[in-house]
Amino acid sequence: MRGLTVIVTRPGSLRAGLELAAANAALGGRARLFAQGEAVAALALPMRAPHDPDHAAAGLPALAALFEEAQALGVEAIVCQSGLALMGVTADMLDARISFGGPVSVMQTLGEDRLATL
């Protein structure tokens, strides 16, 4: 299974990005989620999404639970260093399992991964 790198730029796309990356990881492929710009703020703790109650009512996990599931499957979460500065987010506001990078490092390590942008 080929790897998948998902680039997310909007907070509202974070859930879909995590779901795609988790699905690829569950199928045995490498999976990475790269959050840029405003999406970085959505990963700040406590991790919440505006529609978490709607998802819970439908029997679906909240954003924080989805992040945990993705981590358990081996999804690598990376945040853009420029996005951190732009959104006023510091490293101590993020889950310790999240790493830091930028577009160059993500593309440099893409290898044979498929690339999806949301």
PDB file of N, CA and C in Angstrom:
ATOM      1  N   MET A   1       0.854  -1.179   0.000  1.00  0.00           N
ATOM      2  CA  MET A   1       0.000   0.000   0.000  1.00  0.00           C
ATOM      3  C   MET A   1       0.893   1.232   0.000  1.00  0.00           C
ATOM      4  N   ARG A   2       0.649   2.121  -0.930  1.00  0.00           N
ATOM      5  CA  ARG A   2       1.402   3.375  -0.984  1.00  0.00           C
ATOM      6  C   ARG A   2       1.025   4.264   0.192  1.00  0.00           C
ATOM      7  N   GLY A   3       1.957   5.108   0.552  1.00  0.00           N
ATOM      8  CA  GLY A   3       1.701   6.050   1.623  1.00  0.00           C
ATOM      9  C   GLY A   3       0.786   7.175   1.160  1.00  0.00           C
ATOM     10  N   LEU A   4       0.291   7.927   2.127  1.00  0.00           N
ATOM     11  CA  LEU A   4      -0.585   9.058   1.843  1.00  0.00           C
ATOM     12  C   LEU A   4      -0.183  10.218   2.744  1.00  0.00           C
ATOM     13  N   THR A   5       0.039  11.364   2.137  1.00  0.00           N
ATOM     14  CA  THR A   5       0.270  12.595   2.880  1.00  0.00           C
ATOM     15  C   THR A   5      -0.893  13.522   2.581  1.00  0.00           C
ATOM     16  N   VAL A   6      -1.589  13.946   3.629  1.00  0.00           N
ATOM     17  CA  VAL A   6      -2.747  14.825   3.484  1.00  0.00           C
ATOM     18  C   VAL A   6      -2.357  16.203   4.005  1.00  0.00           C
ATOM     19  N   ILE A   7      -2.548  17.220   3.172  1.00  0.00           N
ATOM     20  CA  ILE A   7      -2.292  18.601   3.582  1.00  0.00           C
ATOM     21  C   ILE A   7      -3.634  19.263   3.866  1.00  0.00           C
ATOM     22  N   VAL A   8      -3.771  19.783   5.082  1.00  0.00           N
ATOM     23  CA  VAL A   8      -5.015  20.430   5.509  1.00  0.00           C
ATOM     24  C   VAL A   8      -4.713  21.896   5.807  1.00  0.00           C
ATOM     25  N   THR A   9      -5.508  22.793   5.223  1.00  0.00           N
ATOM     26  CA  THR A   9      -5.270  24.226   5.430  1.00  0.00           C
ATOM     27  C   THR A   9      -6.392  24.916   6.199  1.00  0.00           C
ATOM     28  N   ARG A  10      -7.543  24.267   6.305  1.00  0.00           N
ATOM     29  CA  ARG A  10      -8.698  24.871   6.988  1.00  0.00           C
ATOM     30  C   ARG A  10      -9.112  23.992   8.168  1.00  0.00           C
ATOM     31  N   PRO A  11      -9.484  24.601   9.280  1.00  0.00           N
ATOM     32  CA  PRO A  11      -9.902  23.813  10.442  1.00  0.00           C
ATOM     33  C   PRO A  11     -11.041  22.845  10.121  1.00  0.00           C
ATOM     34  N   GLY A  12     -11.967  23.260   9.278  1.00  0.00           N
ATOM     35  CA  GLY A  12     -13.108  22.417   8.947  1.00  0.00           C
ATOM     36  C   GLY A  12     -12.745  21.176   8.162  1.00  0.00           C
ATOM     37  N   SER A  13     -11.545  21.139   7.607  1.00  0.00           N
ATOM     38  CA  SER A  13     -11.100  19.977   6.832  1.00  0.00           C
ATOM     39  C   SER A  13     -10.252  19.013   7.658  1.00  0.00           C
ATOM     40  N   LEU A  14      -9.964  19.384   8.893  1.00  0.00           N
ATOM     41  CA  LEU A  14      -9.090  18.560   9.726  1.00  0.00           C
ATOM     42  C   LEU A  14      -9.675  17.174   9.961  1.00  0.00           C
ATOM     43  N   ARG A  15     -10.964  17.099  10.245  1.00  0.00           N
ATOM     44  CA  ARG A  15     -11.607  15.806  10.489  1.00  0.00           C
ATOM     45  C   ARG A  15     -11.479  14.901   9.257  1.00  0.00           C
ATOM     46  N   ALA A  16     -11.790  15.444   8.083  1.00  0.00           N
ATOM     47  CA  ALA A  16     -11.697  14.655   6.851  1.00  0.00           C
ATOM     48  C   ALA A  16     -10.259  14.209   6.605  1.00  0.00           C
ATOM     49  N   GLY A  17      -9.306  15.091   6.879  1.00  0.00           N
ATOM     50  CA  GLY A  17      -7.904  14.736   6.710  1.00  0.00           C
ATOM     51  C   GLY A  17      -7.479  13.610   7.632  1.00  0.00           C
ATOM     52  N   LEU A  18      -7.905  13.684   8.886  1.00  0.00           N
ATOM     53  CA  LEU A  18      -7.591  12.613   9.838  1.00  0.00           C
ATOM     54  C   LEU A  18      -8.237  11.299   9.417  1.00  0.00           C
ATOM     55  N   GLU A  19      -9.476  11.368   8.935  1.00  0.00           N
ATOM     56  CA  GLU A  19     -10.169  10.153   8.503  1.00  0.00           C
ATOM     57  C   GLU A  19      -9.456   9.501   7.326  1.00  0.00           C
ATOM     58  N   LEU A  20      -9.056  10.294   6.334  1.00  0.00           N
ATOM     59  CA  LEU A  20      -8.339   9.743   5.176  1.00  0.00           C
ATOM     60  C   LEU A  20      -7.004   9.132   5.589  1.00  0.00           C
ATOM     61  N   ALA A  21      -6.256   9.853   6.403  1.00  0.00           N
ATOM     62  CA  ALA A  21      -4.958   9.354   6.847  1.00  0.00           C
ATOM     63  C   ALA A  21      -5.123   8.081   7.678  1.00  0.00           C
ATOM     64  N   ALA A  22      -6.108   8.059   8.564  1.00  0.00           N
ATOM     65  CA  ALA A  22      -6.348   6.871   9.392  1.00  0.00           C
ATOM     66  C   ALA A  22      -6.751   5.676   8.535  1.00  0.00           C
ATOM     67  N   ALA A  23      -7.569   5.911   7.528  1.00  0.00           N
ATOM     68  CA  ALA A  23      -7.985   4.819   6.638  1.00  0.00           C
ATOM     69  C   ALA A  23      -6.779   4.233   5.918  1.00  0.00           C
ATOM     70  N   ASN A  24      -5.882   5.092   5.443  1.00  0.00           N
ATOM     71  CA  ASN A  24      -4.695   4.598   4.749  1.00  0.00           C
ATOM     72  C   ASN A  24      -3.798   3.815   5.700  1.00  0.00           C
ATOM     73  N   ALA A  25      -3.645   4.320   6.916  1.00  0.00           N
ATOM     74  CA  ALA A  25      -2.834   3.617   7.913  1.00  0.00           C
ATOM     75  C   ALA A  25      -3.454   2.264   8.259  1.00  0.00           C
ATOM     76  N   ALA A  26      -4.777   2.218   8.376  1.00  0.00           N
ATOM     77  CA  ALA A  26      -5.458   0.958   8.697  1.00  0.00           C
ATOM     78  C   ALA A  26      -5.252  -0.086   7.601  1.00  0.00           C
ATOM     79  N   LEU A  27      -5.045   0.377   6.379  1.00  0.00           N
ATOM     80  CA  LEU A  27      -4.809  -0.531   5.254  1.00  0.00           C
ATOM     81  C   LEU A  27      -3.335  -0.891   5.092  1.00  0.00           C
ATOM     82  N   GLY A  28      -2.503  -0.395   6.007  1.00  0.00           N
ATOM     83  CA  GLY A  28      -1.097  -0.771   6.009  1.00  0.00           C
ATOM     84  C   GLY A  28      -0.145   0.213   5.361  1.00  0.00           C
ATOM     85  N   GLY A  29      -0.624   1.371   4.942  1.00  0.00           N
ATOM     86  CA  GLY A  29       0.246   2.366   4.322  1.00  0.00           C
ATOM     87  C   GLY A  29       0.713   3.416   5.311  1.00  0.00           C
ATOM     88  N   ARG A  30       1.817   4.042   4.970  1.00  0.00           N
ATOM     89  CA  ARG A  30       2.284   5.174   5.770  1.00  0.00           C
ATOM     90  C   ARG A  30       1.259   6.291   5.623  1.00  0.00           C
ATOM     91  N   ALA A  31       1.023   7.032   6.687  1.00  0.00           N
ATOM     92  CA  ALA A  31       0.035   8.111   6.632  1.00  0.00           C
ATOM     93  C   ALA A  31       0.540   9.308   7.425  1.00  0.00           C
ATOM     94  N   ARG A  32       0.449  10.479   6.776  1.00  0.00           N
ATOM     95  CA  ARG A  32       0.863  11.721   7.428  1.00  0.00           C
ATOM     96  C   ARG A  32      -0.206  12.779   7.204  1.00  0.00           C
ATOM     97  N   LEU A  33      -0.398  13.606   8.208  1.00  0.00           N
ATOM     98  CA  LEU A  33      -1.295  14.753   8.121  1.00  0.00           C
ATOM     99  C   LEU A  33      -0.448  15.992   8.364  1.00  0.00           C
ATOM    100  N   PHE A  34      -0.431  16.909   7.394  1.00  0.00           N
ATOM    101  CA  PHE A  34       0.328  18.151   7.520  1.00  0.00           C
ATOM    102  C   PHE A  34      -0.660  19.297   7.610  1.00  0.00           C
ATOM    103  N   ALA A  35      -0.698  19.958   8.771  1.00  0.00           N
ATOM    104  CA  ALA A  35      -1.616  21.079   8.997  1.00  0.00           C
ATOM    105  C   ALA A  35      -0.886  22.391   8.749  1.00  0.00           C
ATOM    106  N   GLN A  36      -1.491  23.230   7.911  1.00  0.00           N
ATOM    107  CA  GLN A  36      -0.941  24.544   7.593  1.00  0.00           C
ATOM    108  C   GLN A  36      -1.934  25.626   7.973  1.00  0.00           C
ATOM    109  N   GLY A  37      -1.444  26.854   8.111  1.00  0.00           N
ATOM    110  CA  GLY A  37      -2.306  28.011   8.318  1.00  0.00           C
ATOM    111  C   GLY A  37      -3.292  27.836   9.456  1.00  0.00           C
ATOM    112  N   GLU A  38      -4.554  28.152   9.184  1.00  0.00           N
ATOM    113  CA  GLU A  38      -5.600  28.120  10.209  1.00  0.00           C
ATOM    114  C   GLU A  38      -5.838  26.729  10.777  1.00  0.00           C
ATOM    115  N   ALA A  39      -5.527  25.690  10.016  1.00  0.00           N
ATOM    116  CA  ALA A  39      -5.739  24.325  10.502  1.00  0.00           C
ATOM    117  C   ALA A  39      -4.874  24.016  11.721  1.00  0.00           C
ATOM    118  N   VAL A  40      -3.747  24.701  11.850  1.00  0.00           N
ATOM    119  CA  VAL A  40      -2.858  24.486  12.993  1.00  0.00           C
ATOM    120  C   VAL A  40      -3.590  24.772  14.303  1.00  0.00           C
ATOM    121  N   ALA A  41      -4.372  25.832  14.338  1.00  0.00           N
ATOM    122  CA  ALA A  41      -5.081  26.218  15.562  1.00  0.00           C
ATOM    123  C   ALA A  41      -6.068  25.147  16.007  1.00  0.00           C
ATOM    124  N   ALA A  42      -6.624  24.392  15.078  1.00  0.00           N
ATOM    125  CA  ALA A  42      -7.597  23.353  15.427  1.00  0.00           C
ATOM    126  C   ALA A  42      -6.951  22.188  16.170  1.00  0.00           C
ATOM    127  N   LEU A  43      -5.632  22.085  16.098  1.00  0.00           N
ATOM    128  CA  LEU A  43      -4.927  21.016  16.808  1.00  0.00           C
ATOM    129  C   LEU A  43      -4.483  21.430  18.209  1.00  0.00           C
ATOM    130  N   ALA A  44      -4.685  22.701  18.566  1.00  0.00           N
ATOM    131  CA  ALA A  44      -4.309  23.170  19.905  1.00  0.00           C
ATOM    132  C   ALA A  44      -5.199  22.502  20.951  1.00  0.00           C
ATOM    133  N   LEU A  45      -4.587  22.206  22.093  1.00  0.00           N
ATOM    134  CA  LEU A  45      -5.321  21.565  23.188  1.00  0.00           C
ATOM    135  C   LEU A  45      -6.128  22.591  23.967  1.00  0.00           C
ATOM    136  N   PRO A  46      -7.284  22.258  24.476  1.00  0.00           N
ATOM    137  CA  PRO A  46      -7.976  20.991  24.236  1.00  0.00           C
ATOM    138  C   PRO A  46      -8.541  20.960  22.821  1.00  0.00           C
ATOM    139  N   MET A  47      -8.323  19.852  22.146  1.00  0.00           N
ATOM    140  CA  MET A  47      -8.724  19.706  20.753  1.00  0.00           C
ATOM    141  C   MET A  47     -10.244  19.557  20.668  1.00  0.00           C
ATOM    142  N   ARG A  48     -10.875  20.535  20.044  1.00  0.00           N
ATOM    143  CA  ARG A  48     -12.336  20.518  19.888  1.00  0.00           C
ATOM    144  C   ARG A  48     -12.684  21.049  18.509  1.00  0.00           C
ATOM    145  N   ALA A  49     -13.810  20.591  17.998  1.00  0.00           N
ATOM    146  CA  ALA A  49     -14.323  21.106  16.726  1.00  0.00           C
ATOM    147  C   ALA A  49     -15.747  21.603  16.958  1.00  0.00           C
ATOM    148  N   PRO A  50     -16.163  22.630  16.229  1.00  0.00           N
ATOM    149  CA  PRO A  50     -17.503  23.192  16.421  1.00  0.00           C
ATOM    150  C   PRO A  50     -18.633  22.165  16.282  1.00  0.00           C
ATOM    151  N   HIS A  51     -18.442  21.167  15.444  1.00  0.00           N
ATOM    152  CA  HIS A  51     -19.511  20.193  15.206  1.00  0.00           C
ATOM    153  C   HIS A  51     -19.324  18.885  15.981  1.00  0.00           C
ATOM    154  N   ASP A  52     -18.469  18.887  17.002  1.00  0.00           N
ATOM    155  CA  ASP A  52     -18.291  17.683  17.819  1.00  0.00           C
ATOM    156  C   ASP A  52     -19.618  17.161  18.372  1.00  0.00           C
ATOM    157  N   PRO A  53     -20.509  18.021  18.895  1.00  0.00           N
ATOM    158  CA  PRO A  53     -21.790  17.509  19.403  1.00  0.00           C
ATOM    159  C   PRO A  53     -22.628  16.824  18.317  1.00  0.00           C
ATOM    160  N   ASP A  54     -22.599  17.362  17.101  1.00  0.00           N
ATOM    161  CA  ASP A  54     -23.337  16.738  15.999  1.00  0.00           C
ATOM    162  C   ASP A  54     -22.770  15.358  15.678  1.00  0.00           C
ATOM    163  N   HIS A  55     -21.461  15.256  15.686  1.00  0.00           N
ATOM    164  CA  HIS A  55     -20.830  13.962  15.422  1.00  0.00           C
ATOM    165  C   HIS A  55     -21.155  12.971  16.533  1.00  0.00           C
ATOM    166  N   ALA A  56     -21.108  13.433  17.772  1.00  0.00           N
ATOM    167  CA  ALA A  56     -21.437  12.557  18.903  1.00  0.00           C
ATOM    168  C   ALA A  56     -22.874  12.057  18.802  1.00  0.00           C
ATOM    169  N   ALA A  57     -23.792  12.946  18.418  1.00  0.00           N
ATOM    170  CA  ALA A  57     -25.200  12.557  18.280  1.00  0.00           C
ATOM    171  C   ALA A  57     -25.386  11.500  17.199  1.00  0.00           C
ATOM    172  N   ALA A  58     -24.489  11.495  16.217  1.00  0.00           N
ATOM    173  CA  ALA A  58     -24.564  10.511  15.134  1.00  0.00           C
ATOM    174  C   ALA A  58     -23.727   9.268  15.436  1.00  0.00           C
ATOM    175  N   GLY A  59     -23.160   9.209  16.654  1.00  0.00           N
ATOM    176  CA  GLY A  59     -22.362   8.052  17.039  1.00  0.00           C
ATOM    177  C   GLY A  59     -20.938   8.083  16.500  1.00  0.00           C
ATOM    178  N   LEU A  60     -20.482   9.258  16.093  1.00  0.00           N
ATOM    179  CA  LEU A  60     -19.137   9.412  15.542  1.00  0.00           C
ATOM    180  C   LEU A  60     -18.227  10.067  16.580  1.00  0.00           C
ATOM    181  N   PRO A  61     -16.922   9.817  16.493  1.00  0.00           N
ATOM    182  CA  PRO A  61     -16.018  10.366  17.503  1.00  0.00           C
ATOM    183  C   PRO A  61     -15.841  11.877  17.392  1.00  0.00           C
ATOM    184  N   ALA A  62     -15.606  12.497  18.530  1.00  0.00           N
ATOM    185  CA  ALA A  62     -15.232  13.913  18.567  1.00  0.00           C
ATOM    186  C   ALA A  62     -13.844  14.042  17.941  1.00  0.00           C
ATOM    187  N   LEU A  63     -13.452  15.252  17.604  1.00  0.00           N
ATOM    188  CA  LEU A  63     -12.162  15.477  16.952  1.00  0.00           C
ATOM    189  C   LEU A  63     -11.004  14.914  17.779  1.00  0.00           C
ATOM    190  N   ALA A  64     -11.009  15.140  19.082  1.00  0.00           N
ATOM    191  CA  ALA A  64      -9.925  14.644  19.936  1.00  0.00           C
ATOM    192  C   ALA A  64      -9.854  13.121  19.911  1.00  0.00           C
ATOM    193  N   ALA A  65     -11.000  12.456  19.934  1.00  0.00           N
ATOM    194  CA  ALA A  65     -11.028  10.993  19.883  1.00  0.00           C
ATOM    195  C   ALA A  65     -10.551  10.493  18.523  1.00  0.00           C
ATOM    196  N   LEU A  66     -10.933  11.187  17.466  1.00  0.00           N
ATOM    197  CA  LEU A  66     -10.483  10.818  16.123  1.00  0.00           C
ATOM    198  C   LEU A  66      -8.968  10.972  16.006  1.00  0.00           C
ATOM    199  N   PHE A  67      -8.430  12.034  16.598  1.00  0.00           N
ATOM    200  CA  PHE A  67      -6.979  12.226  16.611  1.00  0.00           C
ATOM    201  C   PHE A  67      -6.305  11.060  17.332  1.00  0.00           C
ATOM    202  N   GLU A  68      -6.864  10.651  18.479  1.00  0.00           N
ATOM    203  CA  GLU A  68      -6.302   9.523  19.234  1.00  0.00           C
ATOM    204  C   GLU A  68      -6.333   8.238  18.410  1.00  0.00           C
ATOM    205  N   GLU A  69      -7.444   7.994  17.722  1.00  0.00           N
ATOM    206  CA  GLU A  69      -7.559   6.802  16.878  1.00  0.00           C
ATOM    207  C   GLU A  69      -6.517   6.834  15.761  1.00  0.00           C
ATOM    208  N   ALA A  70      -6.353   7.996  15.146  1.00  0.00           N
ATOM    209  CA  ALA A  70      -5.367   8.136  14.073  1.00  0.00           C
ATOM    210  C   ALA A  70      -3.956   7.892  14.605  1.00  0.00           C
ATOM    211  N   GLN A  71      -3.662   8.424  15.773  1.00  0.00           N
ATOM    212  CA  GLN A  71      -2.349   8.207  16.378  1.00  0.00           C
ATOM    213  C   GLN A  71      -2.115   6.724  16.656  1.00  0.00           C
ATOM    214  N   ALA A  72      -3.139   6.050  17.171  1.00  0.00           N
ATOM    215  CA  ALA A  72      -3.022   4.622  17.472  1.00  0.00           C
ATOM    216  C   ALA A  72      -2.750   3.801  16.211  1.00  0.00           C
ATOM    217  N   LEU A  73      -3.226   4.283  15.075  1.00  0.00           N
ATOM    218  CA  LEU A  73      -2.993   3.596  13.800  1.00  0.00           C
ATOM    219  C   LEU A  73      -1.641   3.954  13.187  1.00  0.00           C
ATOM    220  N   GLY A  74      -0.948   4.919  13.787  1.00  0.00           N
ATOM    221  CA  GLY A  74       0.371   5.300  13.299  1.00  0.00           C
ATOM    222  C   GLY A  74       0.413   6.520  12.402  1.00  0.00           C
ATOM    223  N   VAL A  75      -0.664   7.290  12.356  1.00  0.00           N
ATOM    224  CA  VAL A  75      -0.669   8.513  11.548  1.00  0.00           C
ATOM    225  C   VAL A  75       0.290   9.528  12.170  1.00  0.00           C
ATOM    226  N   GLU A  76       1.161  10.073  11.349  1.00  0.00           N
ATOM    227  CA  GLU A  76       2.085  11.108  11.809  1.00  0.00           C
ATOM    228  C   GLU A  76       1.440  12.470  11.588  1.00  0.00           C
ATOM    229  N   ALA A  77       1.318  13.251  12.641  1.00  0.00           N
ATOM    230  CA  ALA A  77       0.756  14.600  12.544  1.00  0.00           C
ATOM    231  C   ALA A  77       1.899  15.609  12.568  1.00  0.00           C
ATOM    232  N   ILE A  78       1.882  16.505  11.584  1.00  0.00           N
ATOM    233  CA  ILE A  78       2.922  17.524  11.440  1.00  0.00           C
ATOM    234  C   ILE A  78       2.235  18.883  11.330  1.00  0.00           C
ATOM    235  N   VAL A  79       2.737  19.874  12.043  1.00  0.00           N
ATOM    236  CA  VAL A  79       2.190  21.229  11.900  1.00  0.00           C
ATOM    237  C   VAL A  79       3.244  22.135  11.278  1.00  0.00           C
ATOM    238  N   CYS A  80       2.767  23.074  10.499  1.00  0.00           N
ATOM    239  CA  CYS A  80       3.629  24.034   9.817  1.00  0.00           C
ATOM    240  C   CYS A  80       4.132  25.079  10.812  1.00  0.00           C
ATOM    241  N   GLN A  81       5.424  25.300  10.791  1.00  0.00           N
ATOM    242  CA  GLN A  81       6.007  26.280  11.702  1.00  0.00           C
ATOM    243  C   GLN A  81       5.491  27.689  11.421  1.00  0.00           C
ATOM    244  N   SER A  82       5.268  28.019  10.174  1.00  0.00           N
ATOM    245  CA  SER A  82       4.704  29.332   9.839  1.00  0.00           C
ATOM    246  C   SER A  82       3.276  29.443  10.348  1.00  0.00           C
ATOM    247  N   GLY A  83       2.526  28.347  10.257  1.00  0.00           N
ATOM    248  CA  GLY A  83       1.153  28.323  10.756  1.00  0.00           C
ATOM    249  C   GLY A  83       1.101  28.539  12.258  1.00  0.00           C
ATOM    250  N   LEU A  84       2.083  27.992  12.968  1.00  0.00           N
ATOM    251  CA  LEU A  84       2.154  28.213  14.417  1.00  0.00           C
ATOM    252  C   LEU A  84       2.265  29.702  14.710  1.00  0.00           C
ATOM    253  N   ALA A  85       3.192  30.364  14.020  1.00  0.00           N
ATOM    254  CA  ALA A  85       3.398  31.796  14.239  1.00  0.00           C
ATOM    255  C   ALA A  85       2.162  32.593  13.828  1.00  0.00           C
ATOM    256  N   LEU A  86       1.593  32.249  12.692  1.00  0.00           N
ATOM    257  CA  LEU A  86       0.420  32.956  12.179  1.00  0.00           C
ATOM    258  C   LEU A  86      -0.762  32.873  13.138  1.00  0.00           C
ATOM    259  N   MET A  87      -0.972  31.695  13.716  1.00  0.00           N
ATOM    260  CA  MET A  87      -2.132  31.467  14.572  1.00  0.00           C
ATOM    261  C   MET A  87      -1.841  31.703  16.050  1.00  0.00           C
ATOM    262  N   GLY A  88      -0.607  32.061  16.398  1.00  0.00           N
ATOM    263  CA  GLY A  88      -0.269  32.319  17.795  1.00  0.00           C
ATOM    264  C   GLY A  88      -0.279  31.062  18.648  1.00  0.00           C
ATOM    265  N   VAL A  89       0.027  29.937  18.038  1.00  0.00           N
ATOM    266  CA  VAL A  89       0.055  28.654  18.747  1.00  0.00           C
ATOM    267  C   VAL A  89       1.510  28.325  19.062  1.00  0.00           C
ATOM    268  N   THR A  90       1.756  27.871  20.283  1.00  0.00           N
ATOM    269  CA  THR A  90       3.104  27.475  20.680  1.00  0.00           C
ATOM    270  C   THR A  90       3.148  25.964  20.875  1.00  0.00           C
ATOM    271  N   ALA A  91       4.349  25.419  20.871  1.00  0.00           N
ATOM    272  CA  ALA A  91       4.525  23.970  20.973  1.00  0.00           C
ATOM    273  C   ALA A  91       3.852  23.389  22.213  1.00  0.00           C
ATOM    274  N   ASP A  92       3.882  24.114  23.327  1.00  0.00           N
ATOM    275  CA  ASP A  92       3.288  23.589  24.558  1.00  0.00           C
ATOM    276  C   ASP A  92       1.759  23.563  24.518  1.00  0.00           C
ATOM    277  N   MET A  93       1.166  24.133  23.484  1.00  0.00           N
ATOM    278  CA  MET A  93      -0.293  24.108  23.323  1.00  0.00           C
ATOM    279  C   MET A  93      -0.749  22.904  22.493  1.00  0.00           C
ATOM    280  N   LEU A  94       0.211  22.087  22.042  1.00  0.00           N
ATOM    281  CA  LEU A  94      -0.091  20.954  21.173  1.00  0.00           C
ATOM    282  C   LEU A  94       0.217  19.635  21.860  1.00  0.00           C
ATOM    283  N   ASP A  95      -0.412  18.597  21.384  1.00  0.00           N
ATOM    284  CA  ASP A  95      -0.109  17.238  21.820  1.00  0.00           C
ATOM    285  C   ASP A  95       1.378  16.977  21.541  1.00  0.00           C
ATOM    286  N   ALA A  96       2.064  16.367  22.482  1.00  0.00           N
ATOM    287  CA  ALA A  96       3.507  16.139  22.357  1.00  0.00           C
ATOM    288  C   ALA A  96       3.869  15.218  21.194  1.00  0.00           C
ATOM    289  N   ARG A  97       2.905  14.471  20.665  1.00  0.00           N
ATOM    290  CA  ARG A  97       3.183  13.556  19.543  1.00  0.00           C
ATOM    291  C   ARG A  97       3.185  14.268  18.194  1.00  0.00           C
ATOM    292  N   ILE A  98       2.800  15.526  18.169  1.00  0.00           N
ATOM    293  CA  ILE A  98       2.781  16.288  16.923  1.00  0.00           C
ATOM    294  C   ILE A  98       4.183  16.821  16.652  1.00  0.00           C
ATOM    295  N   SER A  99       4.640  16.655  15.412  1.00  0.00           N
ATOM    296  CA  SER A  99       5.956  17.170  15.041  1.00  0.00           C
ATOM    297  C   SER A  99       5.811  18.455  14.230  1.00  0.00           C
ATOM    298  N   PHE A 100       6.932  19.085  13.955  1.00  0.00           N
ATOM    299  CA  PHE A 100       6.939  20.387  13.295  1.00  0.00           C
ATOM    300  C   PHE A 100       7.704  20.296  11.985  1.00  0.00           C
ATOM    301  N   GLY A 101       7.244  21.041  11.002  1.00  0.00           N
ATOM    302  CA  GLY A 101       7.907  21.035   9.704  1.00  0.00           C
ATOM    303  C   GLY A 101       7.388  22.163   8.853  1.00  0.00           C
ATOM    304  N   GLY A 102       7.674  22.065   7.591  1.00  0.00           N
ATOM    305  CA  GLY A 102       7.215  23.062   6.634  1.00  0.00           C
ATOM    306  C   GLY A 102       7.005  22.404   5.287  1.00  0.00           C
ATOM    307  N   PRO A 103       6.515  23.154   4.327  1.00  0.00           N
ATOM    308  CA  PRO A 103       6.259  22.587   3.007  1.00  0.00           C
ATOM    309  C   PRO A 103       7.487  21.915   2.387  1.00  0.00           C
ATOM    310  N   VAL A 104       8.657  22.513   2.572  1.00  0.00           N
ATOM    311  CA  VAL A 104       9.863  21.939   1.978  1.00  0.00           C
ATOM    312  C   VAL A 104      10.166  20.573   2.590  1.00  0.00           C
ATOM    313  N   SER A 105      10.131  20.480   3.918  1.00  0.00           N
ATOM    314  CA  SER A 105      10.449  19.192   4.551  1.00  0.00           C
ATOM    315  C   SER A 105       9.398  18.134   4.236  1.00  0.00           C
ATOM    316  N   VAL A 106       8.137  18.541   4.138  1.00  0.00           N
ATOM    317  CA  VAL A 106       7.081  17.582   3.791  1.00  0.00           C
ATOM    318  C   VAL A 106       7.299  17.057   2.376  1.00  0.00           C
ATOM    319  N   MET A 107       7.570  17.947   1.443  1.00  0.00           N
ATOM    320  CA  MET A 107       7.778  17.519   0.060  1.00  0.00           C
ATOM    321  C   MET A 107       9.075  16.727  -0.094  1.00  0.00           C
ATOM    322  N   GLN A 108      10.084  17.095   0.678  1.00  0.00           N
ATOM    323  CA  GLN A 108      11.371  16.409   0.631  1.00  0.00           C
ATOM    324  C   GLN A 108      11.241  14.952   1.066  1.00  0.00           C
ATOM    325  N   THR A 109      10.321  14.689   1.975  1.00  0.00           N
ATOM    326  CA  THR A 109      10.153  13.337   2.523  1.00  0.00           C
ATOM    327  C   THR A 109       8.918  12.638   1.964  1.00  0.00           C
ATOM    328  N   LEU A 110       8.357  13.168   0.885  1.00  0.00           N
ATOM    329  CA  LEU A 110       7.139  12.602   0.297  1.00  0.00           C
ATOM    330  C   LEU A 110       7.368  11.202  -0.263  1.00  0.00           C
ATOM    331  N   GLY A 111       8.518  10.981  -0.850  1.00  0.00           N
ATOM    332  CA  GLY A 111       8.795   9.669  -1.436  1.00  0.00           C
ATOM    333  C   GLY A 111       7.738   9.300  -2.465  1.00  0.00           C
ATOM    334  N   GLU A 112       7.187   8.102  -2.343  1.00  0.00           N
ATOM    335  CA  GLU A 112       6.164   7.603  -3.271  1.00  0.00           C
ATOM    336  C   GLU A 112       4.745   7.819  -2.744  1.00  0.00           C
ATOM    337  N   ASP A 113       4.620   8.591  -1.665  1.00  0.00           N
ATOM    338  CA  ASP A 113       3.283   8.863  -1.111  1.00  0.00           C
ATOM    339  C   ASP A 113       2.386   9.538  -2.137  1.00  0.00           C
ATOM    340  N   ARG A 114       1.112   9.236  -2.046  1.00  0.00           N
ATOM    341  CA  ARG A 114       0.118  10.037  -2.752  1.00  0.00           C
ATOM    342  C   ARG A 114      -0.063  11.309  -1.939  1.00  0.00           C
ATOM    343  N   LEU A 115      -0.418  12.393  -2.610  1.00  0.00           N
ATOM    344  CA  LEU A 115      -0.573  13.680  -1.945  1.00  0.00           C
ATOM    345  C   LEU A 115      -1.998  14.164  -2.136  1.00  0.00           C
ATOM    346  N   ALA A 116      -2.666  14.463  -1.019  1.00  0.00           N
ATOM    347  CA  ALA A 116      -4.033  14.990  -1.070  1.00  0.00           C
ATOM    348  C   ALA A 116      -4.052  16.316  -0.334  1.00  0.00           C
ATOM    349  N   THR A 117      -4.758  17.283  -0.877  1.00  0.00           N
ATOM    350  CA  THR A 117      -4.900  18.577  -0.209  1.00  0.00           C
ATOM    351  C   THR A 117      -6.368  18.839   0.063  1.00  0.00           C
ATOM    352  N   LEU A 118      -6.664  19.290   1.272  1.00  0.00           N
ATOM    353  CA  LEU A 118      -8.040  19.595   1.674  1.00  0.00           C
ATOM    354  C   LEU A 118      -8.110  21.018   2.182  1.00  0.00           C
TER     355      LEU A 118
END
